[in-house]
Amino acid sequence: TVAASAPRRRTPFSATWPTADARADAERAVAAAPARAVVKTGDAWAYKALGGEHHVVVARWTATPQNAEAFAGLLDGDDCLLPGVVARVRKAPALRAAVPPSAWVTDDDDDRLAPGVARPDPDHAACAWYCTLENDTLDRVAAKFAPRATALDLWRANSHRRELSGLQKPGGAGKPPTLFVRWTVLVVPLSGAAPPAVDARACAACDGPAKDRHKRGDHTCGGRWASVDAG
């Protein structure tokens, strides 16, 4: 008879670096990056903390375990990352590898993004953050930023997140598009120059009820809603 082997225990993920050399390599990799950036270093990803962002926010956008123990030694008394620390994380967006400002995605914060609203990232060029409306799709969101973003861009930038597992790739045959609930924040990778500012009052689609905005394709503002200010 052959004795059954003991089940292999998985080592819990740690946001700290396994060796001093690995930490030094990560610090060099992020040295020129702005805060809240996620940078590839060797076979890992490094997150450069601004300081004060809650570890759960960082974990959600990097597919990293959300328990505070994973970030042991990197947090203050409020479970927020200390200024300047470089955390080891699991993944990064395929486009615009950044984590949103914590206040924009924190419940009960006065600065939280509201559904239908977008803001440009204050530190990362060509990157905006958008909060979905009920039943938004990648195509609908992309139309609001056209021609600076496509639905495929949005999928590539957001599909790595655990909370969005199963996000349907645009153009896939036989599968309906993913419908978002309200309050889902997406990173929007922007390309090209921003369009001229428009007077939203001149656009009936921007002024109309939300359900009609989704249906109309003749936006005189070129798909740029009054509530979308992506810079």
Protein backbone atom coordinates (compact mmCIF):
# COMPACT_ATOMS: atom_id res chain seq x y z
CA THR A 1 0.00 0.00 0.00
CA VAL A 2 1.02 3.56 -0.60
CA ALA A 3 0.55 6.04 2.19
CA ALA A 4 -1.50 9.07 1.25
CA SER A 5 0.59 12.20 1.06
CA ALA A 6 -0.25 15.04 3.37
CA PRO A 7 -2.14 17.92 1.72
CA ARG A 8 0.18 20.69 0.63
CA ARG A 9 -0.31 23.88 2.59
CA ARG A 10 -0.37 27.07 0.59
CA THR A 11 1.86 29.80 1.91
CA PRO A 12 -0.25 32.88 2.70
CA PHE A 13 0.48 35.78 0.39
CA SER A 14 2.53 38.58 1.93
CA ALA A 15 2.79 42.15 0.65
CA THR A 16 6.26 42.38 2.17
CA TRP A 17 9.26 41.31 0.11
CA PRO A 18 10.87 37.92 0.83
CA THR A 19 14.43 39.27 0.89
CA ALA A 20 16.21 42.58 1.34
CA ASP A 21 17.50 42.32 -2.25
CA ALA A 22 13.97 41.86 -3.59
CA ARG A 23 12.80 44.90 -1.64
CA ALA A 24 15.71 46.97 -2.96
CA ASP A 25 14.94 45.90 -6.54
CA ALA A 26 11.29 46.91 -6.05
CA GLU A 27 12.23 50.29 -4.61
CA ARG A 28 14.48 50.96 -7.60
CA ALA A 29 11.72 49.91 -10.01
CA VAL A 30 9.21 52.39 -8.58
CA ALA A 31 11.65 55.23 -7.91
CA ALA A 32 10.64 57.27 -10.97
CA ALA A 33 6.94 56.34 -10.85
CA PRO A 34 4.25 58.57 -9.33
CA ALA A 35 2.56 57.49 -6.12
CA ARG A 36 -0.24 54.89 -6.48
CA ALA A 37 1.56 53.28 -9.42
CA VAL A 38 1.91 49.53 -9.88
CA VAL A 39 5.22 48.59 -11.51
CA LYS A 40 6.60 45.26 -12.74
CA THR A 41 9.79 44.14 -10.99
CA GLY A 42 11.25 40.77 -11.88
CA ASP A 43 8.44 38.22 -11.60
CA ALA A 44 6.41 40.36 -9.17
CA TRP A 45 4.48 43.64 -9.02
CA ALA A 46 5.33 46.56 -6.74
CA TYR A 47 2.89 49.19 -5.49
CA LYS A 48 4.25 52.62 -4.50
CA ALA A 49 2.20 53.97 -1.61
CA LEU A 50 1.17 57.60 -1.37
CA GLY A 51 0.38 57.07 2.29
CA GLY A 52 -3.02 57.02 3.94
CA GLU A 53 -4.72 54.72 1.42
CA HIS A 54 -6.57 51.83 3.03
CA HIS A 55 -4.99 48.47 2.31
CA VAL A 56 -8.34 47.05 1.11
CA VAL A 57 -8.47 49.64 -1.69
CA VAL A 58 -5.01 48.62 -2.87
CA ALA A 59 -5.87 44.94 -2.56
CA ARG A 60 -9.07 45.24 -4.58
CA TRP A 61 -7.35 46.87 -7.56
CA THR A 62 -4.38 44.49 -7.52
CA ALA A 63 -6.14 41.13 -6.90
CA THR A 64 -4.24 40.87 -3.61
CA PRO A 65 -5.65 39.28 -0.40
CA GLN A 66 -7.59 41.90 1.54
CA ASN A 67 -6.72 40.77 5.07
CA ALA A 68 -4.58 43.17 7.05
CA GLU A 69 -2.18 40.36 7.96
CA ALA A 70 -1.01 40.22 4.33
CA PHE A 71 0.21 43.83 4.71
CA ALA A 72 1.83 43.35 8.12
CA GLY A 73 4.54 45.89 8.80
CA LEU A 74 3.33 48.27 6.08
CA LEU A 75 0.27 49.75 7.83
CA ASP A 76 -0.45 52.44 10.39
CA GLY A 77 -2.92 52.10 13.27
CA ASP A 78 -5.86 52.67 10.91
CA ASP A 79 -4.86 49.84 8.55
CA CYS A 80 -3.70 52.37 5.95
CA LEU A 81 -0.40 52.15 4.10
CA LEU A 82 2.48 54.18 5.47
CA PRO A 83 3.89 56.93 3.21
CA GLY A 84 6.51 55.77 0.78
CA VAL A 85 6.32 52.03 1.46
CA VAL A 86 6.58 49.69 -1.52
CA ALA A 87 4.15 46.79 -1.23
CA ARG A 88 4.30 43.51 -3.12
CA VAL A 89 0.99 42.93 -4.91
CA ARG A 90 -0.37 40.22 -7.19
CA LYS A 91 -1.50 41.90 -10.39
CA ALA A 92 -1.88 45.20 -12.22
CA PRO A 93 -4.19 46.47 -14.95
CA ALA A 94 -2.97 45.65 -18.45
CA LEU A 95 -3.44 49.36 -19.19
CA ARG A 96 -2.78 52.31 -16.84
CA ALA A 97 -1.37 50.40 -13.90
CA ALA A 98 -2.58 52.55 -11.03
CA VAL A 99 -4.81 52.41 -7.96
CA PRO A 100 -7.52 55.09 -7.51
CA PRO A 101 -7.33 57.76 -4.80
CA SER A 102 -8.80 56.10 -1.70
CA ALA A 103 -11.29 58.89 -1.01
CA TRP A 104 -12.89 58.39 -4.42
CA VAL A 105 -13.85 54.77 -3.65
CA THR A 106 -14.50 54.93 0.10
CA ASP A 107 -18.05 54.74 1.45
CA ASP A 108 -19.25 57.83 3.30
CA ASP A 109 -16.33 59.94 2.09
CA ASP A 110 -17.48 63.35 0.85
CA ASP A 111 -15.16 63.03 -2.15
CA ARG A 112 -16.46 59.63 -3.30
CA LEU A 113 -17.28 59.29 -6.99
CA ALA A 114 -21.03 59.22 -7.62
CA PRO A 115 -22.69 57.03 -10.28
CA GLY A 116 -22.29 58.53 -13.76
CA VAL A 117 -19.35 60.70 -12.71
CA ALA A 118 -15.72 60.48 -13.87
CA ARG A 119 -12.60 62.35 -12.81
CA PRO A 120 -9.10 62.53 -14.25
CA ASP A 121 -6.42 61.01 -12.07
CA PRO A 122 -4.47 63.81 -10.36
CA ASP A 123 -1.11 62.05 -10.73
CA HIS A 124 -1.39 59.64 -13.67
CA ALA A 125 -1.68 61.14 -17.13
CA ALA A 126 -4.19 59.64 -19.57
CA CYS A 127 -6.04 57.88 -16.77
CA ALA A 128 -9.55 58.60 -15.48
CA TRP A 129 -11.85 56.90 -12.97
CA TYR A 130 -15.55 56.38 -13.67
CA CYS A 131 -18.38 55.23 -11.37
CA THR A 132 -21.01 53.16 -13.16
CA LEU A 133 -24.72 53.64 -13.40
CA GLU A 134 -27.13 50.73 -13.07
CA ASN A 135 -26.90 48.50 -16.18
CA ASP A 136 -23.90 50.29 -17.66
CA THR A 137 -21.90 48.09 -20.03
CA LEU A 138 -18.34 48.42 -21.29
CA ASP A 139 -19.70 49.71 -24.61
CA ARG A 140 -21.85 52.32 -22.89
CA VAL A 141 -19.00 53.50 -20.71
CA ALA A 142 -16.60 53.65 -23.66
CA ALA A 143 -19.08 55.75 -25.63
CA LYS A 144 -18.90 58.43 -22.95
CA PHE A 145 -15.17 58.80 -23.53
CA ALA A 146 -15.12 58.28 -27.30
CA PRO A 147 -12.86 58.52 -29.19
CA ARG A 148 -10.31 58.38 -26.35
CA ALA A 149 -11.25 54.92 -25.02
CA THR A 150 -12.74 51.71 -26.40
CA ALA A 151 -14.69 48.93 -24.72
CA LEU A 152 -11.74 46.59 -25.29
CA ASP A 153 -9.42 49.08 -23.56
CA LEU A 154 -11.77 49.12 -20.58
CA TRP A 155 -11.88 45.32 -20.45
CA ARG A 156 -8.08 45.04 -20.56
CA ALA A 157 -7.71 47.64 -17.79
CA ASN A 158 -10.27 46.13 -15.39
CA SER A 159 -10.67 42.39 -16.02
CA HIS A 160 -7.82 41.40 -13.66
CA ARG A 161 -9.82 42.40 -10.58
CA ARG A 162 -11.33 39.59 -8.51
CA GLU A 163 -14.56 41.49 -7.97
CA LEU A 164 -14.96 41.66 -11.76
CA SER A 165 -14.16 38.02 -12.47
CA GLY A 166 -16.22 36.90 -15.43
CA LEU A 167 -16.22 40.34 -17.04
CA GLN A 168 -17.19 39.59 -20.65
CA LYS A 169 -14.69 40.57 -23.31
CA PRO A 170 -16.35 42.95 -25.82
CA GLY A 171 -17.23 41.38 -29.14
CA GLY A 172 -17.43 37.85 -27.78
CA ALA A 173 -19.90 35.74 -29.74
CA GLY A 174 -22.91 34.24 -28.00
CA LYS A 175 -22.47 35.90 -24.62
CA PRO A 176 -24.38 38.96 -23.45
CA PRO A 177 -22.33 41.91 -22.21
CA THR A 178 -21.73 42.28 -18.51
CA LEU A 179 -24.20 44.63 -16.84
CA PHE A 180 -22.71 46.68 -14.03
CA VAL A 181 -24.47 47.60 -10.82
CA ARG A 182 -24.29 51.15 -9.51
CA TRP A 183 -21.12 52.23 -7.70
CA THR A 184 -18.63 50.04 -9.60
CA VAL A 185 -15.53 52.17 -10.17
CA LEU A 186 -13.56 51.49 -13.36
CA VAL A 187 -10.21 52.79 -14.50
CA VAL A 188 -10.55 54.39 -17.94
CA PRO A 189 -7.40 54.33 -20.07
CA LEU A 190 -7.48 57.45 -22.24
CA SER A 191 -5.53 58.05 -25.44
CA GLY A 192 -5.21 61.11 -27.63
CA ALA A 193 -6.09 64.69 -26.80
CA ALA A 194 -9.17 65.66 -24.82
CA PRO A 195 -12.09 66.92 -26.95
CA PRO A 196 -13.15 70.55 -26.65
CA ALA A 197 -15.37 71.39 -23.73
CA VAL A 198 -19.06 71.47 -24.60
CA ASP A 199 -22.15 73.17 -23.26
CA ALA A 200 -24.19 70.27 -21.91
CA ARG A 201 -27.37 72.32 -22.23
CA ALA A 202 -27.02 72.04 -26.01
CA CYS A 203 -27.25 68.25 -25.87
CA ALA A 204 -30.70 66.75 -25.40
CA ALA A 205 -29.19 63.37 -24.55
CA CYS A 206 -27.20 64.87 -21.68
CA ASP A 207 -30.22 66.73 -20.40
CA GLY A 208 -32.64 63.80 -20.75
CA PRO A 209 -33.50 61.02 -18.32
CA ALA A 210 -30.76 58.48 -17.68
CA LYS A 211 -32.69 55.65 -19.35
CA ASP A 212 -32.87 57.69 -22.57
CA ARG A 213 -29.19 58.53 -22.54
CA HIS A 214 -28.34 54.85 -22.94
CA LYS A 215 -30.54 54.52 -26.01
CA ARG A 216 -29.50 57.58 -27.95
CA GLY A 217 -26.65 57.48 -30.41
CA ASP A 218 -26.96 61.03 -31.71
CA HIS A 219 -25.23 62.89 -28.90
CA THR A 220 -24.33 66.36 -30.14
CA CYS A 221 -21.60 66.39 -27.48
CA GLY A 222 -19.86 63.43 -29.10
CA GLY A 223 -20.75 61.08 -26.24
CA ARG A 224 -19.26 63.30 -23.52
CA TRP A 225 -21.90 63.57 -20.84
CA ALA A 226 -22.41 66.58 -18.66
CA SER A 227 -21.53 64.45 -15.62
CA VAL A 228 -18.33 63.10 -17.16
CA ASP A 229 -15.35 65.38 -16.65
CA ALA A 230 -12.38 63.36 -17.79
CA GLY A 231 -10.07 66.27 -18.48
